[in-house]
Protein backbone atom coordinates (compact mmCIF):
# COMPACT_ATOMS: atom_id res chain seq x y z
CA UNK A 1 228.96 -161.86 37.37
CA UNK A 2 226.65 -163.69 39.60
CA UNK A 3 226.66 -160.74 41.97
CA UNK A 4 225.83 -158.36 39.15
CA UNK A 5 223.11 -160.61 37.90
CA UNK A 6 221.60 -160.84 41.42
CA UNK A 7 221.85 -157.07 41.86
CA UNK A 8 220.00 -156.43 38.56
CA UNK A 9 217.27 -158.84 39.52
CA UNK A 10 216.98 -157.30 43.01
CA UNK A 11 216.84 -153.75 41.57
CA UNK A 12 214.22 -154.86 39.02
CA UNK A 13 212.13 -156.34 41.84
CA UNK A 14 212.58 -153.11 43.86
CA UNK A 15 211.40 -150.99 40.86
CA UNK A 16 208.41 -153.29 40.32
CA UNK A 17 207.57 -153.04 44.03
CA UNK A 18 207.71 -149.21 43.83
CA UNK A 19 205.41 -149.27 40.78
CA UNK A 20 203.06 -151.62 42.61
CA UNK A 21 203.01 -149.36 45.68
CA UNK A 22 202.26 -146.29 43.48
CA UNK A 23 199.49 -148.15 41.65
CA UNK A 24 198.01 -149.29 44.99
CA UNK A 25 198.03 -145.68 46.24
CA UNK A 26 196.20 -144.61 43.05
CA UNK A 27 193.65 -147.41 43.49
CA UNK A 28 193.19 -146.43 47.14
CA UNK A 29 192.30 -142.84 46.14
CA UNK A 30 189.84 -144.10 43.55
CA UNK A 31 188.24 -146.48 46.05
CA UNK A 32 187.82 -143.64 48.56
CA UNK A 33 186.08 -141.53 45.90
CA UNK A 34 183.90 -144.50 45.00
CA UNK A 35 182.98 -144.98 48.68
CA UNK A 36 182.10 -141.28 48.95
CA UNK A 37 180.01 -141.55 45.78
CA UNK A 38 178.35 -144.67 47.19
CA UNK A 39 177.24 -142.71 50.27
CA UNK A 40 175.84 -139.90 48.14
CA UNK A 41 174.15 -142.46 45.87
CA UNK A 42 172.53 -144.08 48.91
CA UNK A 43 171.21 -140.67 49.95
CA UNK A 44 169.88 -140.04 46.44
CA UNK A 45 168.27 -143.50 46.35
CA UNK A 46 166.65 -142.91 49.76
CA UNK A 47 165.24 -139.57 48.53
CA UNK A 48 164.01 -141.24 45.35
CA UNK A 49 162.27 -143.98 47.33
CA UNK A 50 160.55 -141.45 49.62
CA UNK A 51 159.51 -139.33 46.60
CA UNK A 52 158.11 -142.47 44.93
CA UNK A 53 156.09 -143.35 48.03
CA UNK A 54 154.70 -139.80 48.23
CA UNK A 55 153.79 -139.95 44.53
CA UNK A 56 152.05 -143.32 45.02
CA UNK A 57 149.99 -141.91 47.89
CA UNK A 58 149.11 -138.86 45.79
CA UNK A 59 148.06 -141.09 42.89
CA UNK A 60 145.88 -143.13 45.24
CA UNK A 61 144.25 -139.93 46.50
CA UNK A 62 143.69 -138.75 42.93
CA UNK A 63 142.07 -142.06 42.03
CA UNK A 64 139.68 -141.74 44.97
CA UNK A 65 138.89 -138.14 43.98
CA UNK A 66 138.27 -139.12 40.37
CA UNK A 67 135.98 -141.94 41.46
CA UNK A 68 133.98 -139.59 43.72
CA UNK A 69 133.74 -136.98 40.97
CA UNK A 70 132.59 -139.62 38.51
CA UNK A 71 129.88 -140.78 40.89
CA UNK A 72 128.76 -137.21 41.65
CA UNK A 73 128.77 -136.14 38.03
CA UNK A 74 127.00 -139.34 36.98
CA UNK A 75 124.20 -138.74 39.45
CA UNK A 76 123.99 -135.07 38.49
CA UNK A 77 123.86 -135.97 34.80
CA UNK A 78 121.08 -138.45 35.49
CA UNK A 79 119.14 -135.85 37.47
CA UNK A 80 119.76 -133.29 34.72
CA UNK A 81 118.47 -135.65 32.05
CA UNK A 82 115.36 -136.38 34.13
CA UNK A 83 114.80 -132.67 34.72
CA UNK A 84 115.27 -131.96 31.01
CA UNK A 85 112.68 -134.58 30.10
CA UNK A 86 110.28 -133.18 32.71
CA UNK A 87 110.76 -129.63 31.43
CA UNK A 88 110.23 -130.79 27.87
CA UNK A 89 106.92 -132.37 28.87
CA UNK A 90 105.90 -129.22 30.72
CA UNK A 91 106.79 -127.02 27.74
CA UNK A 92 104.73 -129.25 25.47
CA UNK A 93 101.81 -129.13 27.91
CA UNK A 94 102.17 -125.34 28.15
CA UNK A 95 102.08 -125.02 24.38
CA UNK A 96 98.92 -127.13 24.31
CA UNK A 97 97.31 -124.95 26.97
CA UNK A 98 98.31 -121.82 25.04
CA UNK A 99 96.78 -123.25 21.87
CA UNK A 100 93.54 -124.05 23.71
CA UNK A 101 93.45 -120.57 25.23
CA UNK A 102 93.98 -119.05 21.81
CA UNK A 103 91.12 -121.11 20.42
CA UNK A 104 88.89 -120.14 23.34
CA UNK A 105 89.80 -116.48 22.88
CA UNK A 106 89.03 -116.69 19.18
CA UNK A 107 85.73 -118.43 19.83
CA UNK A 108 84.72 -116.00 22.59
CA UNK A 109 85.67 -112.91 20.61
CA UNK A 110 82.65 -110.88 19.63
CA UNK A 111 82.29 -110.62 15.91
CA UNK A 112 81.28 -107.19 14.50
CA UNK A 113 80.21 -108.46 11.11
CA UNK A 114 79.25 -112.09 11.42
CA UNK A 115 77.96 -113.82 8.28
CA UNK A 116 74.93 -115.17 10.20
CA UNK A 117 73.78 -111.66 11.21
CA UNK A 118 74.18 -110.22 7.75
CA UNK A 119 73.73 -112.87 5.07
CA UNK A 120 74.17 -110.41 2.18
CA UNK A 121 77.57 -109.22 3.44
CA UNK A 122 78.97 -112.78 3.76
CA UNK A 123 79.72 -113.31 0.06
CA UNK A 124 81.19 -109.84 -0.27
CA UNK A 125 83.42 -110.37 2.79
CA UNK A 126 84.54 -113.77 1.51
CA UNK A 127 85.47 -112.23 -1.85
CA UNK A 128 87.24 -109.24 -0.28
CA UNK A 129 89.44 -111.26 2.12
CA UNK A 130 91.85 -113.89 0.88
CA UNK A 131 91.50 -117.35 2.51
CA UNK A 132 94.77 -117.01 4.50
CA UNK A 133 93.64 -113.77 6.10
CA UNK A 134 90.26 -115.30 6.99
CA UNK A 135 91.95 -118.30 8.63
CA UNK A 136 94.22 -116.19 10.84
CA UNK A 137 92.10 -113.36 12.31
CA UNK A 138 93.88 -110.62 14.21
CA UNK A 139 93.67 -110.80 18.00
CA UNK A 140 94.61 -108.20 20.50
CA UNK A 141 96.45 -108.86 23.71
CA UNK A 142 93.60 -107.44 25.79
CA UNK A 143 91.08 -109.75 24.17
CA UNK A 144 93.32 -112.74 24.77
CA UNK A 145 93.82 -111.71 28.40
CA UNK A 146 90.08 -111.31 28.93
CA UNK A 147 89.39 -114.72 27.39
CA UNK A 148 92.05 -116.35 29.57
CA UNK A 149 90.59 -114.74 32.69
CA UNK A 150 87.10 -115.87 31.75
CA UNK A 151 88.36 -119.39 31.16
CA UNK A 152 90.13 -119.34 34.53
CA UNK A 153 86.96 -118.12 36.28
CA UNK A 154 84.90 -120.91 34.67
CA UNK A 155 87.46 -123.50 35.77
CA UNK A 156 87.43 -122.16 39.33
CA UNK A 157 83.64 -122.23 39.37
CA UNK A 158 83.53 -125.87 38.25
CA UNK A 159 86.33 -126.84 40.67
CA UNK A 160 88.77 -127.99 38.01
CA UNK A 161 91.39 -125.30 38.69
CA UNK A 162 94.52 -126.35 40.51
């Protein structure tokens, strides 16, 4: 019996050794795959690092571009605001000059039926025309042009023209 008992134990150890060898072979295959995956992962990580560096440089370039655009647009906006204010002043001055020219043209316009020349017609003319029509007499473009030219000639003669 002792031989049988020893043989059973030895065969059990042999079977366990075979199972261990098979499991080691399986682990070896898995480790080889893991090593291969590790190499591909290192390649992927290297590509990711280089892509990250390129992106960081691109972001830095974009920041510089944005800063330059902000400075350029800021200065252009400032110049535009100054130009707008200057144009507004010039438009206001032009409107004032136009109003003065209109007044000069109205004052220089020859009157066909002036109340001073014909005192009897003055009350009849005042009754015939409503007050709004009397306040805004009709002017022609030619009369306005002639008055503006006369005004310009007077300014040139006095040396006030630009």
